[in-house]
Amino acid sequence: THEEARRFMQENTFASDAEIDSELLRYSTDIPGQALSYAMGQREILRMRAEARAALGERFSWPAFHAAVLSPGAVPMSLLGAHLERWR
């Protein structure tokens, strides 16, 4: 329920009550697909990172991977994947 979500966020985050209200509204009624798209993007980037780590082994660098993800700017995941394959 809405109240359970509020209580969970109060107990597990440092968010203010105003931030909690905003997040609950956004994810429950305003833009429900936003949370799903964030989660899907996160999973895809984690997958790409695992591939890069496997391919590069000890040459893998966290800062370099981070820079490689951010350098093309806002692009679709398919283009980010192609960019990271070239980067490896």
C-alpha atoms as a PDB file:
ATOM      1  CA  THR A   1       0.000   0.000   0.000  1.00  0.00           C
ATOM      2  CA  HIS A   2       0.935   3.645  -0.228  1.00  0.00           C
ATOM      3  CA  GLU A   3       1.403   3.829   3.542  1.00  0.00           C
ATOM      4  CA  GLU A   4       3.627   0.734   3.555  1.00  0.00           C
ATOM      5  CA  ALA A   5       5.786   2.270   0.842  1.00  0.00           C
ATOM      6  CA  ARG A   6       6.026   5.525   2.803  1.00  0.00           C
ATOM      7  CA  ARG A   7       7.009   3.671   5.978  1.00  0.00           C
ATOM      8  CA  PHE A   8       9.604   1.607   4.086  1.00  0.00           C
ATOM      9  CA  MET A   9      11.194   4.708   2.601  1.00  0.00           C
ATOM     10  CA  GLN A  10      11.209   6.517   5.953  1.00  0.00           C
ATOM     11  CA  GLU A  11      12.924   3.547   7.586  1.00  0.00           C
ATOM     12  CA  ASN A  12      15.417   2.823   4.793  1.00  0.00           C
ATOM     13  CA  THR A  13      16.385   6.137   3.206  1.00  0.00           C
ATOM     14  CA  PHE A  14      17.492   9.591   4.247  1.00  0.00           C
ATOM     15  CA  ALA A  15      14.824  11.194   2.062  1.00  0.00           C
ATOM     16  CA  SER A  16      12.702  13.966   3.484  1.00  0.00           C
ATOM     17  CA  ASP A  17       8.932  13.560   3.737  1.00  0.00           C
ATOM     18  CA  ALA A  18       8.565  15.885   0.727  1.00  0.00           C
ATOM     19  CA  GLU A  19      10.978  13.748  -1.331  1.00  0.00           C
ATOM     20  CA  ILE A  20       9.157  10.586  -0.292  1.00  0.00           C
ATOM     21  CA  ASP A  21       5.808  12.084  -1.315  1.00  0.00           C
ATOM     22  CA  SER A  22       7.250  13.097  -4.693  1.00  0.00           C
ATOM     23  CA  GLU A  23       8.778   9.659  -5.349  1.00  0.00           C
ATOM     24  CA  LEU A  24       5.645   7.791  -4.306  1.00  0.00           C
ATOM     25  CA  LEU A  25       3.484   9.973  -6.539  1.00  0.00           C
ATOM     26  CA  ARG A  26       5.828   9.620  -9.509  1.00  0.00           C
ATOM     27  CA  TYR A  27       6.195   5.861  -9.303  1.00  0.00           C
ATOM     28  CA  SER A  28       2.614   4.990  -8.381  1.00  0.00           C
ATOM     29  CA  THR A  29       0.456   7.324 -10.452  1.00  0.00           C
ATOM     30  CA  ASP A  30       2.323   9.950 -12.423  1.00  0.00           C
ATOM     31  CA  ILE A  31       4.861   7.980 -14.461  1.00  0.00           C
ATOM     32  CA  PRO A  32       4.695   4.310 -13.413  1.00  0.00           C
ATOM     33  CA  GLY A  33       6.864   3.145 -16.319  1.00  0.00           C
ATOM     34  CA  GLN A  34       9.746   5.332 -15.148  1.00  0.00           C
ATOM     35  CA  ALA A  35      10.787   2.982 -12.339  1.00  0.00           C
ATOM     36  CA  LEU A  36      10.653   0.038 -14.738  1.00  0.00           C
ATOM     37  CA  SER A  37      12.805   1.806 -17.319  1.00  0.00           C
ATOM     38  CA  TYR A  38      15.348   2.793 -14.647  1.00  0.00           C
ATOM     39  CA  ALA A  39      15.559  -0.809 -13.435  1.00  0.00           C
ATOM     40  CA  MET A  40      15.904  -2.168 -16.971  1.00  0.00           C
ATOM     41  CA  GLY A  41      18.647   0.339 -17.751  1.00  0.00           C
ATOM     42  CA  GLN A  42      20.493  -0.536 -14.574  1.00  0.00           C
ATOM     43  CA  ARG A  43      20.355  -4.254 -15.353  1.00  0.00           C
ATOM     44  CA  GLU A  44      21.583  -3.679 -18.893  1.00  0.00           C
ATOM     45  CA  ILE A  45      24.519  -1.522 -17.773  1.00  0.00           C
ATOM     46  CA  LEU A  46      25.444  -4.126 -15.141  1.00  0.00           C
ATOM     47  CA  ARG A  47      25.379  -6.788 -17.869  1.00  0.00           C
ATOM     48  CA  MET A  48      27.594  -4.655 -20.131  1.00  0.00           C
ATOM     49  CA  ARG A  49      29.965  -4.043 -17.234  1.00  0.00           C
ATOM     50  CA  ALA A  50      30.238  -7.774 -16.525  1.00  0.00           C
ATOM     51  CA  GLU A  51      31.047  -8.391 -20.200  1.00  0.00           C
ATOM     52  CA  ALA A  52      33.693  -5.666 -20.161  1.00  0.00           C
ATOM     53  CA  ARG A  53      35.260  -7.052 -16.976  1.00  0.00           C
ATOM     54  CA  ALA A  54      35.357 -10.551 -18.459  1.00  0.00           C
ATOM     55  CA  ALA A  55      36.833  -9.322 -21.739  1.00  0.00           C
ATOM     56  CA  LEU A  56      39.428  -7.009 -20.209  1.00  0.00           C
ATOM     57  CA  GLY A  57      40.392  -8.999 -17.130  1.00  0.00           C
ATOM     58  CA  GLU A  58      43.003  -7.131 -15.093  1.00  0.00           C
ATOM     59  CA  ARG A  59      43.019  -4.301 -17.625  1.00  0.00           C
ATOM     60  CA  PHE A  60      39.442  -3.407 -16.574  1.00  0.00           C
ATOM     61  CA  SER A  61      39.264  -0.005 -14.911  1.00  0.00           C
ATOM     62  CA  TRP A  62      36.230   1.229 -12.988  1.00  0.00           C
ATOM     63  CA  PRO A  63      36.920   4.899 -13.797  1.00  0.00           C
ATOM     64  CA  ALA A  64      37.540   4.111 -17.471  1.00  0.00           C
ATOM     65  CA  PHE A  65      34.312   2.101 -17.724  1.00  0.00           C
ATOM     66  CA  HIS A  66      32.393   4.892 -16.029  1.00  0.00           C
ATOM     67  CA  ALA A  67      33.848   7.425 -18.462  1.00  0.00           C
ATOM     68  CA  ALA A  68      33.061   5.139 -21.409  1.00  0.00           C
ATOM     69  CA  VAL A  69      29.418   4.841 -20.339  1.00  0.00           C
ATOM     70  CA  LEU A  70      29.020   8.597 -19.949  1.00  0.00           C
ATOM     71  CA  SER A  71      31.069   9.787 -22.931  1.00  0.00           C
ATOM     72  CA  PRO A  72      28.508   9.233 -25.717  1.00  0.00           C
ATOM     73  CA  GLY A  73      25.855  11.174 -23.800  1.00  0.00           C
ATOM     74  CA  ALA A  74      22.195  10.233 -23.891  1.00  0.00           C
ATOM     75  CA  VAL A  75      21.922   7.376 -26.370  1.00  0.00           C
ATOM     76  CA  PRO A  76      19.707   4.290 -26.708  1.00  0.00           C
ATOM     77  CA  MET A  77      21.004   1.175 -24.955  1.00  0.00           C
ATOM     78  CA  SER A  78      21.753  -0.490 -28.283  1.00  0.00           C
ATOM     79  CA  LEU A  79      24.129   2.331 -29.230  1.00  0.00           C
ATOM     80  CA  LEU A  80      25.698   2.330 -25.768  1.00  0.00           C
ATOM     81  CA  GLY A  81      26.284  -1.409 -26.125  1.00  0.00           C
ATOM     82  CA  ALA A  82      27.975  -0.942 -29.494  1.00  0.00           C
ATOM     83  CA  HIS A  83      30.080   1.895 -28.078  1.00  0.00           C
ATOM     84  CA  LEU A  84      31.218  -0.266 -25.162  1.00  0.00           C
ATOM     85  CA  GLU A  85      32.075  -3.156 -27.464  1.00  0.00           C
ATOM     86  CA  ARG A  86      34.381  -0.837 -29.425  1.00  0.00           C
ATOM     87  CA  TRP A  87      35.783   0.549 -26.159  1.00  0.00           C
ATOM     88  CA  ARG A  88      36.777  -2.920 -24.966  1.00  0.00           C
END
